[in-house]
Amino acid sequence: IALSAAGFTVYAGARRVDKMEPLKQHGITVLSLDV
């Protein structure tokens, strides 16, 4: 969220994609990402 507010185009990744749904409201693209 903070990087998006600072002007970055942000891709947010995690295994629990459902937990990241609120990030879409900030223009953030959500990725399924398992490191």
Full PDB file with SEQRES, HELIX, SHEET, SSBOND, CRYST1, ORIGX, SCALE, CONECT and MASTER records, all heavy atoms in Angstrom:
SEQRES   1 A   35  ILE ALA LEU SER ALA ALA GLY PHE THR VAL TYR ALA GLY          
SEQRES   2 A   35  ALA ARG ARG VAL ASP LYS MET GLU PRO LEU LYS GLN HIS          
SEQRES   3 A   35  GLY ILE THR VAL LEU SER LEU ASP VAL                          
HELIX    1 AA1 ALA A    2  ALA A    5  1                                   4    
HELIX    2 AA2 VAL A   17  HIS A   26  5                                  10    
SHEET    1 AA1 2 TYR A  11  ALA A  14  0                                        
SHEET    2 AA1 2 THR A  29  SER A  32  1                                        
CRYST1    1.000    1.000    1.000  90.00  90.00  90.00 P 1           1          
ORIGX1      1.000000  0.000000  0.000000        0.00000                         
ORIGX2      0.000000  1.000000  0.000000        0.00000                         
ORIGX3      0.000000  0.000000  1.000000        0.00000                         
SCALE1      1.000000  0.000000  0.000000        0.00000                         
SCALE2      0.000000  1.000000  0.000000        0.00000                         
SCALE3      0.000000  0.000000  1.000000        0.00000                         
ATOM      1  N   ILE A   1       0.838  -1.215   0.000  1.00  0.00           N  
ATOM      2  CA  ILE A   1       0.000   0.000   0.000  1.00  0.00           C  
ATOM      3  C   ILE A   1       0.865   1.253   0.000  1.00  0.00           C  
ATOM      4  O   ILE A   1       0.620   2.210  -0.745  1.00  0.00           O  
ATOM      5  CB  ILE A   1      -0.940  -0.011   1.222  1.00  0.00           C  
ATOM      6  CG1 ILE A   1      -1.957  -1.154   1.094  1.00  0.00           C  
ATOM      7  CG2 ILE A   1      -1.653   1.334   1.368  1.00  0.00           C  
ATOM      8  CD1 ILE A   1      -2.812  -1.359   2.340  1.00  0.00           C  
ATOM      9  N   ALA A   2       1.891   1.275   0.846  1.00  0.00           N  
ATOM     10  CA  ALA A   2       2.742   2.460   0.963  1.00  0.00           C  
ATOM     11  C   ALA A   2       3.517   2.728  -0.325  1.00  0.00           C  
ATOM     12  O   ALA A   2       3.681   3.879  -0.734  1.00  0.00           O  
ATOM     13  CB  ALA A   2       3.700   2.284   2.138  1.00  0.00           C  
ATOM     14  N   LEU A   3       3.995   1.675  -0.984  1.00  0.00           N  
ATOM     15  CA  LEU A   3       4.705   1.873  -2.245  1.00  0.00           C  
ATOM     16  C   LEU A   3       3.769   2.378  -3.333  1.00  0.00           C  
ATOM     17  O   LEU A   3       4.136   3.240  -4.143  1.00  0.00           O  
ATOM     18  CB  LEU A   3       5.358   0.563  -2.685  1.00  0.00           C  
ATOM     19  CG  LEU A   3       6.605   0.132  -1.916  1.00  0.00           C  
ATOM     20  CD1 LEU A   3       6.998  -1.289  -2.304  1.00  0.00           C  
ATOM     21  CD2 LEU A   3       7.767   1.086  -2.158  1.00  0.00           C  
ATOM     22  N   SER A   4       2.551   1.866  -3.357  1.00  0.00           N  
ATOM     23  CA  SER A   4       1.576   2.348  -4.328  1.00  0.00           C  
ATOM     24  C   SER A   4       1.287   3.827  -4.114  1.00  0.00           C  
ATOM     25  O   SER A   4       1.231   4.610  -5.074  1.00  0.00           O  
ATOM     26  CB  SER A   4       0.283   1.525  -4.220  1.00  0.00           C  
ATOM     27  OG  SER A   4      -0.670   1.968  -5.154  1.00  0.00           O  
ATOM     28  N   ALA A   5       1.141   4.212  -2.851  1.00  0.00           N  
ATOM     29  CA  ALA A   5       0.895   5.620  -2.534  1.00  0.00           C  
ATOM     30  C   ALA A   5       2.082   6.496  -2.920  1.00  0.00           C  
ATOM     31  O   ALA A   5       1.916   7.691  -3.202  1.00  0.00           O  
ATOM     32  CB  ALA A   5       0.589   5.778  -1.045  1.00  0.00           C  
ATOM     33  N   ALA A   6       3.271   5.905  -2.930  1.00  0.00           N  
ATOM     34  CA  ALA A   6       4.478   6.647  -3.292  1.00  0.00           C  
ATOM     35  C   ALA A   6       4.705   6.696  -4.800  1.00  0.00           C  
ATOM     36  O   ALA A   6       5.704   7.262  -5.256  1.00  0.00           O  
ATOM     37  CB  ALA A   6       5.695   6.024  -2.614  1.00  0.00           C  
ATOM     38  N   GLY A   7       3.793   6.109  -5.575  1.00  0.00           N  
ATOM     39  CA  GLY A   7       3.868   6.217  -7.019  1.00  0.00           C  
ATOM     40  C   GLY A   7       4.385   4.995  -7.750  1.00  0.00           C  
ATOM     41  O   GLY A   7       4.507   5.001  -8.979  1.00  0.00           O  
ATOM     42  N   PHE A   8       4.683   3.924  -7.026  1.00  0.00           N  
ATOM     43  CA  PHE A   8       5.132   2.692  -7.672  1.00  0.00           C  
ATOM     44  C   PHE A   8       3.948   1.933  -8.267  1.00  0.00           C  
ATOM     45  O   PHE A   8       2.829   1.987  -7.729  1.00  0.00           O  
ATOM     46  CB  PHE A   8       5.823   1.773  -6.664  1.00  0.00           C  
ATOM     47  CG  PHE A   8       7.223   2.180  -6.293  1.00  0.00           C  
ATOM     48  CD1 PHE A   8       7.456   3.155  -5.340  1.00  0.00           C  
ATOM     49  CD2 PHE A   8       8.316   1.576  -6.904  1.00  0.00           C  
ATOM     50  CE1 PHE A   8       8.749   3.531  -4.996  1.00  0.00           C  
ATOM     51  CE2 PHE A   8       9.605   1.934  -6.570  1.00  0.00           C  
ATOM     52  CZ  PHE A   8       9.826   2.919  -5.609  1.00  0.00           C  
ATOM     53  N   THR A   9       4.188   1.230  -9.346  1.00  0.00           N  
ATOM     54  CA  THR A   9       3.267   0.211  -9.829  1.00  0.00           C  
ATOM     55  C   THR A   9       3.619  -1.067  -9.091  1.00  0.00           C  
ATOM     56  O   THR A   9       4.728  -1.597  -9.255  1.00  0.00           O  
ATOM     57  CB  THR A   9       3.409   0.001 -11.349  1.00  0.00           C  
ATOM     58  OG1 THR A   9       3.083   1.216 -12.017  1.00  0.00           O  
ATOM     59  CG2 THR A   9       2.491  -1.113 -11.819  1.00  0.00           C  
ATOM     60  N   VAL A  10       2.706  -1.547  -8.265  1.00  0.00           N  
ATOM     61  CA  VAL A  10       3.037  -2.594  -7.301  1.00  0.00           C  
ATOM     62  C   VAL A  10       2.381  -3.921  -7.670  1.00  0.00           C  
ATOM     63  O   VAL A  10       1.180  -3.977  -7.966  1.00  0.00           O  
ATOM     64  CB  VAL A  10       2.622  -2.185  -5.870  1.00  0.00           C  
ATOM     65  CG1 VAL A  10       2.954  -3.292  -4.867  1.00  0.00           C  
ATOM     66  CG2 VAL A  10       3.306  -0.886  -5.468  1.00  0.00           C  
ATOM     67  N   TYR A  11       3.188  -4.969  -7.594  1.00  0.00           N  
ATOM     68  CA  TYR A  11       2.713  -6.343  -7.696  1.00  0.00           C  
ATOM     69  C   TYR A  11       2.946  -6.997  -6.344  1.00  0.00           C  
ATOM     70  O   TYR A  11       4.092  -7.086  -5.879  1.00  0.00           O  
ATOM     71  CB  TYR A  11       3.462  -7.098  -8.793  1.00  0.00           C  
ATOM     72  CG  TYR A  11       3.053  -6.678 -10.189  1.00  0.00           C  
ATOM     73  CD1 TYR A  11       3.533  -5.497 -10.730  1.00  0.00           C  
ATOM     74  CD2 TYR A  11       2.180  -7.454 -10.938  1.00  0.00           C  
ATOM     75  CE1 TYR A  11       3.157  -5.091 -12.005  1.00  0.00           C  
ATOM     76  CE2 TYR A  11       1.792  -7.056 -12.213  1.00  0.00           C  
ATOM     77  CZ  TYR A  11       2.276  -5.877 -12.735  1.00  0.00           C  
ATOM     78  OH  TYR A  11       1.886  -5.484 -13.989  1.00  0.00           O  
ATOM     79  N   ALA A  12       1.870  -7.419  -5.714  1.00  0.00           N  
ATOM     80  CA  ALA A  12       1.937  -8.019  -4.381  1.00  0.00           C  
ATOM     81  C   ALA A  12       1.771  -9.526  -4.505  1.00  0.00           C  
ATOM     82  O   ALA A  12       0.799  -9.998  -5.101  1.00  0.00           O  
ATOM     83  CB  ALA A  12       0.850  -7.441  -3.472  1.00  0.00           C  
ATOM     84  N   GLY A  13       2.701 -10.280  -3.939  1.00  0.00           N  
ATOM     85  CA  GLY A  13       2.650 -11.723  -4.075  1.00  0.00           C  
ATOM     86  C   GLY A  13       2.620 -12.453  -2.751  1.00  0.00           C  
ATOM     87  O   GLY A  13       3.253 -12.033  -1.778  1.00  0.00           O  
ATOM     88  N   ALA A  14       1.873 -13.544  -2.707  1.00  0.00           N  
ATOM     89  CA  ALA A  14       1.806 -14.414  -1.531  1.00  0.00           C  
ATOM     90  C   ALA A  14       1.031 -15.668  -1.916  1.00  0.00           C  
ATOM     91  O   ALA A  14       0.373 -15.717  -2.967  1.00  0.00           O  
ATOM     92  CB  ALA A  14       1.134 -13.719  -0.347  1.00  0.00           C  
ATOM     93  N   ARG A  15       1.098 -16.672  -1.045  1.00  0.00           N  
ATOM     94  CA  ARG A  15       0.324 -17.899  -1.294  1.00  0.00           C  
ATOM     95  C   ARG A  15      -1.154 -17.669  -1.020  1.00  0.00           C  
ATOM     96  O   ARG A  15      -2.010 -18.202  -1.713  1.00  0.00           O  
ATOM     97  CB  ARG A  15       0.852 -19.031  -0.413  1.00  0.00           C  
ATOM     98  CG  ARG A  15       2.232 -19.540  -0.809  1.00  0.00           C  
ATOM     99  CD  ARG A  15       2.684 -20.692   0.069  1.00  0.00           C  
ATOM    100  NE  ARG A  15       2.759 -20.308   1.475  1.00  0.00           N  
ATOM    101  CZ  ARG A  15       1.963 -20.765   2.428  1.00  0.00           C  
ATOM    102  NH1 ARG A  15       1.008 -21.626   2.153  1.00  0.00           N  
ATOM    103  NH2 ARG A  15       2.113 -20.359   3.681  1.00  0.00           N  
ATOM    104  N   ARG A  16      -1.467 -16.891   0.021  1.00  0.00           N  
ATOM    105  CA  ARG A  16      -2.867 -16.673   0.409  1.00  0.00           C  
ATOM    106  C   ARG A  16      -3.437 -15.493  -0.381  1.00  0.00           C  
ATOM    107  O   ARG A  16      -3.529 -14.372   0.113  1.00  0.00           O  
ATOM    108  CB  ARG A  16      -2.952 -16.440   1.916  1.00  0.00           C  
ATOM    109  CG  ARG A  16      -2.523 -17.650   2.743  1.00  0.00           C  
ATOM    110  CD  ARG A  16      -2.685 -17.418   4.230  1.00  0.00           C  
ATOM    111  NE  ARG A  16      -1.741 -16.423   4.733  1.00  0.00           N  
ATOM    112  CZ  ARG A  16      -1.690 -16.001   5.994  1.00  0.00           C  
ATOM    113  NH1 ARG A  16      -2.554 -16.477   6.880  1.00  0.00           N  
ATOM    114  NH2 ARG A  16      -0.806 -15.111   6.374  1.00  0.00           N  
ATOM    115  N   VAL A  17      -3.826 -15.771  -1.601  1.00  0.00           N  
ATOM    116  CA  VAL A  17      -4.280 -14.717  -2.509  1.00  0.00           C  
ATOM    117  C   VAL A  17      -5.523 -14.017  -1.970  1.00  0.00           C  
ATOM    118  O   VAL A  17      -5.686 -12.796  -2.120  1.00  0.00           O  
ATOM    119  CB  VAL A  17      -4.555 -15.307  -3.908  1.00  0.00           C  
ATOM    120  CG1 VAL A  17      -5.112 -14.237  -4.838  1.00  0.00           C  
ATOM    121  CG2 VAL A  17      -3.282 -15.901  -4.486  1.00  0.00           C  
ATOM    122  N   ASP A  18      -6.410 -14.767  -1.330  1.00  0.00           N  
ATOM    123  CA  ASP A  18      -7.640 -14.174  -0.820  1.00  0.00           C  
ATOM    124  C   ASP A  18      -7.367 -13.074   0.196  1.00  0.00           C  
ATOM    125  O   ASP A  18      -8.104 -12.086   0.279  1.00  0.00           O  
ATOM    126  CB  ASP A  18      -8.534 -15.249  -0.196  1.00  0.00           C  
ATOM    127  CG  ASP A  18      -7.838 -15.990   0.939  1.00  0.00           C  
ATOM    128  OD1 ASP A  18      -6.682 -16.443   0.747  1.00  0.00           O  
ATOM    129  OD2 ASP A  18      -8.433 -16.109   2.029  1.00  0.00           O  
ATOM    130  N   LYS A  19      -6.296 -13.209   0.958  1.00  0.00           N  
ATOM    131  CA  LYS A  19      -5.951 -12.202   1.968  1.00  0.00           C  
ATOM    132  C   LYS A  19      -5.534 -10.881   1.331  1.00  0.00           C  
ATOM    133  O   LYS A  19      -5.556  -9.834   1.976  1.00  0.00           O  
ATOM    134  CB  LYS A  19      -4.817 -12.716   2.860  1.00  0.00           C  
ATOM    135  CG  LYS A  19      -5.177 -13.887   3.757  1.00  0.00           C  
ATOM    136  CD  LYS A  19      -5.866 -13.407   5.002  1.00  0.00           C  
ATOM    137  CE  LYS A  19      -6.036 -14.526   6.015  1.00  0.00           C  
ATOM    138  NZ  LYS A  19      -6.686 -14.058   7.262  1.00  0.00           N  
ATOM    139  N   MET A  20      -5.143 -10.936   0.068  1.00  0.00           N  
ATOM    140  CA  MET A  20      -4.661  -9.727  -0.609  1.00  0.00           C  
ATOM    141  C   MET A  20      -5.736  -9.000  -1.399  1.00  0.00           C  
ATOM    142  O   MET A  20      -5.457  -7.959  -2.017  1.00  0.00           O  
ATOM    143  CB  MET A  20      -3.489 -10.090  -1.523  1.00  0.00           C  
ATOM    144  CG  MET A  20      -2.270 -10.630  -0.789  1.00  0.00           C  
ATOM    145  SD  MET A  20      -0.841 -10.868  -1.882  1.00  0.00           S  
ATOM    146  CE  MET A  20      -1.403 -12.265  -2.871  1.00  0.00           C  
ATOM    147  N   GLU A  21      -6.946  -9.511  -1.394  1.00  0.00           N  
ATOM    148  CA  GLU A  21      -8.026  -8.873  -2.154  1.00  0.00           C  
ATOM    149  C   GLU A  21      -8.163  -7.379  -1.862  1.00  0.00           C  
ATOM    150  O   GLU A  21      -8.354  -6.577  -2.787  1.00  0.00           O  
ATOM    151  CB  GLU A  21      -9.349  -9.591  -1.901  1.00  0.00           C  
ATOM    152  CG  GLU A  21      -9.514 -10.878  -2.688  1.00  0.00           C  
ATOM    153  CD  GLU A  21      -9.563 -10.647  -4.181  1.00  0.00           C  
ATOM    154  OE1 GLU A  21     -10.295  -9.732  -4.615  1.00  0.00           O  
ATOM    155  OE2 GLU A  21      -8.859 -11.355  -4.916  1.00  0.00           O  
ATOM    156  N   PRO A  22      -8.070  -6.935  -0.582  1.00  0.00           N  
ATOM    157  CA  PRO A  22      -8.214  -5.496  -0.312  1.00  0.00           C  
ATOM    158  C   PRO A  22      -7.150  -4.638  -0.995  1.00  0.00           C  
ATOM    159  O   PRO A  22      -7.361  -3.429  -1.199  1.00  0.00           O  
ATOM    160  CB  PRO A  22      -8.087  -5.411   1.214  1.00  0.00           C  
ATOM    161  CG  PRO A  22      -8.476  -6.762   1.717  1.00  0.00           C  
ATOM    162  CD  PRO A  22      -7.982  -7.716   0.670  1.00  0.00           C  
ATOM    163  N   LEU A  23      -6.025  -5.217  -1.357  1.00  0.00           N  
ATOM    164  CA  LEU A  23      -4.971  -4.443  -2.006  1.00  0.00           C  
ATOM    165  C   LEU A  23      -5.400  -3.942  -3.381  1.00  0.00           C  
ATOM    166  O   LEU A  23      -4.899  -2.922  -3.864  1.00  0.00           O  
ATOM    167  CB  LEU A  23      -3.700  -5.286  -2.137  1.00  0.00           C  
ATOM    168  CG  LEU A  23      -2.998  -5.670  -0.835  1.00  0.00           C  
ATOM    169  CD1 LEU A  23      -1.810  -6.572  -1.119  1.00  0.00           C  
ATOM    170  CD2 LEU A  23      -2.545  -4.437  -0.059  1.00  0.00           C  
ATOM    171  N   LYS A  24      -6.322  -4.640  -4.007  1.00  0.00           N  
ATOM    172  CA  LYS A  24      -6.773  -4.243  -5.337  1.00  0.00           C  
ATOM    173  C   LYS A  24      -7.419  -2.862  -5.318  1.00  0.00           C  
ATOM    174  O   LYS A  24      -7.396  -2.136  -6.319  1.00  0.00           O  
ATOM    175  CB  LYS A  24      -7.744  -5.276  -5.896  1.00  0.00           C  
ATOM    176  CG  LYS A  24      -7.105  -6.635  -6.170  1.00  0.00           C  
ATOM    177  CD  LYS A  24      -8.119  -7.630  -6.711  1.00  0.00           C  
ATOM    178  CE  LYS A  24      -7.488  -8.981  -7.006  1.00  0.00           C  
ATOM    179  NZ  LYS A  24      -8.478  -9.970  -7.514  1.00  0.00           N  
ATOM    180  N   GLN A  25      -7.993  -2.492  -4.170  1.00  0.00           N  
ATOM    181  CA  GLN A  25      -8.607  -1.169  -4.044  1.00  0.00           C  
ATOM    182  C   GLN A  25      -7.581  -0.047  -4.157  1.00  0.00           C  
ATOM    183  O   GLN A  25      -7.926   1.108  -4.402  1.00  0.00           O  
ATOM    184  CB  GLN A  25      -9.341  -1.057  -2.703  1.00  0.00           C  
ATOM    185  CG  GLN A  25     -10.436  -2.082  -2.494  1.00  0.00           C  
ATOM    186  CD  GLN A  25     -10.986  -2.049  -1.079  1.00  0.00           C  
ATOM    187  OE1 GLN A  25     -10.736  -1.105  -0.326  1.00  0.00           O  
ATOM    188  NE2 GLN A  25     -11.731  -3.082  -0.712  1.00  0.00           N  
ATOM    189  N   HIS A  26      -6.316  -0.380  -3.958  1.00  0.00           N  
ATOM    190  CA  HIS A  26      -5.236   0.607  -4.045  1.00  0.00           C  
ATOM    191  C   HIS A  26      -4.529   0.551  -5.399  1.00  0.00           C  
ATOM    192  O   HIS A  26      -3.455   1.141  -5.573  1.00  0.00           O  
ATOM    193  CB  HIS A  26      -4.218   0.353  -2.930  1.00  0.00           C  
ATOM    194  CG  HIS A  26      -4.791   0.469  -1.555  1.00  0.00           C  
ATOM    195  ND1 HIS A  26      -4.823   1.663  -0.848  1.00  0.00           N  
ATOM    196  CD2 HIS A  26      -5.382  -0.467  -0.754  1.00  0.00           C  
ATOM    197  CE1 HIS A  26      -5.382   1.459   0.335  1.00  0.00           C  
ATOM    198  NE2 HIS A  26      -5.738   0.182   0.423  1.00  0.00           N  
ATOM    199  N   GLY A  27      -5.118  -0.161  -6.350  1.00  0.00           N  
ATOM    200  CA  GLY A  27      -4.527  -0.261  -7.672  1.00  0.00           C  
ATOM    201  C   GLY A  27      -3.366  -1.230  -7.751  1.00  0.00           C  
ATOM    202  O   GLY A  27      -2.561  -1.179  -8.696  1.00  0.00           O  
ATOM    203  N   ILE A  28      -3.290  -2.118  -6.797  1.00  0.00           N  
ATOM    204  CA  ILE A  28      -2.199  -3.083  -6.722  1.00  0.00           C  
ATOM    205  C   ILE A  28      -2.606  -4.377  -7.409  1.00  0.00           C  
ATOM    206  O   ILE A  28      -3.723  -4.861  -7.216  1.00  0.00           O  
ATOM    207  CB  ILE A  28      -1.824  -3.341  -5.249  1.00  0.00           C  
ATOM    208  CG1 ILE A  28      -1.275  -2.048  -4.616  1.00  0.00           C  
ATOM    209  CG2 ILE A  28      -0.821  -4.482  -5.111  1.00  0.00           C  
ATOM    210  CD1 ILE A  28      -1.206  -2.093  -3.104  1.00  0.00           C  
ATOM    211  N   THR A  29      -1.697  -4.938  -8.178  1.00  0.00           N  
ATOM    212  CA  THR A  29      -1.943  -6.223  -8.824  1.00  0.00           C  
ATOM    213  C   THR A  29      -1.523  -7.343  -7.888  1.00  0.00           C  
ATOM    214  O   THR A  29      -0.421  -7.325  -7.334  1.00  0.00           O  
ATOM    215  CB  THR A  29      -1.163  -6.337 -10.136  1.00  0.00           C  
ATOM    216  OG1 THR A  29      -1.542  -5.276 -11.011  1.00  0.00           O  
ATOM    217  CG2 THR A  29      -1.444  -7.675 -10.817  1.00  0.00           C  
ATOM    218  N   VAL A  30      -2.406  -8.297  -7.702  1.00  0.00           N  
ATOM    219  CA  VAL A  30      -2.181  -9.403  -6.769  1.00  0.00           C  
ATOM    220  C   VAL A  30      -1.726 -10.637  -7.539  1.00  0.00           C  
ATOM    221  O   VAL A  30      -2.311 -10.997  -8.565  1.00  0.00           O  
ATOM    222  CB  VAL A  30      -3.476  -9.691  -5.980  1.00  0.00           C  
ATOM    223  CG1 VAL A  30      -3.367 -10.982  -5.199  1.00  0.00           C  
ATOM    224  CG2 VAL A  30      -3.787  -8.526  -5.046  1.00  0.00           C  
ATOM    225  N   LEU A  31      -0.663 -11.269  -7.029  1.00  0.00           N  
ATOM    226  CA  LEU A  31      -0.109 -12.463  -7.665  1.00  0.00           C  
ATOM    227  C   LEU A  31      -0.109 -13.637  -6.696  1.00  0.00           C  
ATOM    228  O   LEU A  31       0.178 -13.470  -5.508  1.00  0.00           O  
ATOM    229  CB  LEU A  31       1.347 -12.218  -8.089  1.00  0.00           C  
ATOM    230  CG  LEU A  31       1.653 -11.098  -9.069  1.00  0.00           C  
ATOM    231  CD1 LEU A  31       3.162 -10.951  -9.203  1.00  0.00           C  
ATOM    232  CD2 LEU A  31       1.015 -11.380 -10.415  1.00  0.00           C  
ATOM    233  N   SER A  32      -0.394 -14.820  -7.218  1.00  0.00           N  
ATOM    234  CA  SER A  32      -0.168 -16.037  -6.450  1.00  0.00           C  
ATOM    235  C   SER A  32       1.326 -16.330  -6.511  1.00  0.00           C  
ATOM    236  O   SER A  32       1.884 -16.538  -7.589  1.00  0.00           O  
ATOM    237  CB  SER A  32      -0.959 -17.202  -7.047  1.00  0.00           C  
ATOM    238  OG  SER A  32      -0.641 -18.404  -6.375  1.00  0.00           O  
ATOM    239  N   LEU A  33       1.985 -16.303  -5.356  1.00  0.00           N  
ATOM    240  CA  LEU A  33       3.438 -16.436  -5.340  1.00  0.00           C  
ATOM    241  C   LEU A  33       3.872 -17.289  -4.155  1.00  0.00           C  
ATOM    242  O   LEU A  33       3.655 -16.938  -3.003  1.00  0.00           O  
ATOM    243  CB  LEU A  33       4.089 -15.055  -5.243  1.00  0.00           C  
ATOM    244  CG  LEU A  33       5.618 -15.019  -5.151  1.00  0.00           C  
ATOM    245  CD1 LEU A  33       6.243 -15.699  -6.358  1.00  0.00           C  
ATOM    246  CD2 LEU A  33       6.105 -13.582  -5.030  1.00  0.00           C  
ATOM    247  N   ASP A  34       4.503 -18.399  -4.461  1.00  0.00           N  
ATOM    248  CA  ASP A  34       5.037 -19.314  -3.464  1.00  0.00           C  
ATOM    249  C   ASP A  34       6.557 -19.321  -3.621  1.00  0.00           C  
ATOM    250  O   ASP A  34       7.080 -19.769  -4.644  1.00  0.00           O  
ATOM    251  CB  ASP A  34       4.469 -20.714  -3.689  1.00  0.00           C  
ATOM    252  CG  ASP A  34       4.976 -21.742  -2.677  1.00  0.00           C  
ATOM    253  OD1 ASP A  34       5.903 -21.427  -1.909  1.00  0.00           O  
ATOM    254  OD2 ASP A  34       4.452 -22.869  -2.679  1.00  0.00           O  
ATOM    255  N   VAL A  35       7.282 -18.809  -2.622  1.00  0.00           N  
ATOM    256  CA  VAL A  35       8.735 -18.691  -2.753  1.00  0.00           C  
ATOM    257  C   VAL A  35       9.460 -20.011  -2.548  1.00  0.00           C  
ATOM    258  O   VAL A  35      10.694 -20.045  -2.535  1.00  0.00           O  
ATOM    259  CB  VAL A  35       9.297 -17.610  -1.798  1.00  0.00           C  
ATOM    260  CG1 VAL A  35       8.736 -16.241  -2.128  1.00  0.00           C  
ATOM    261  CG2 VAL A  35       9.049 -17.974  -0.345  1.00  0.00           C  
TER     262      VAL A  35                                                      
MASTER        0    0    0    2    2    0    0    6  261    1    0    3          
END                                                                             
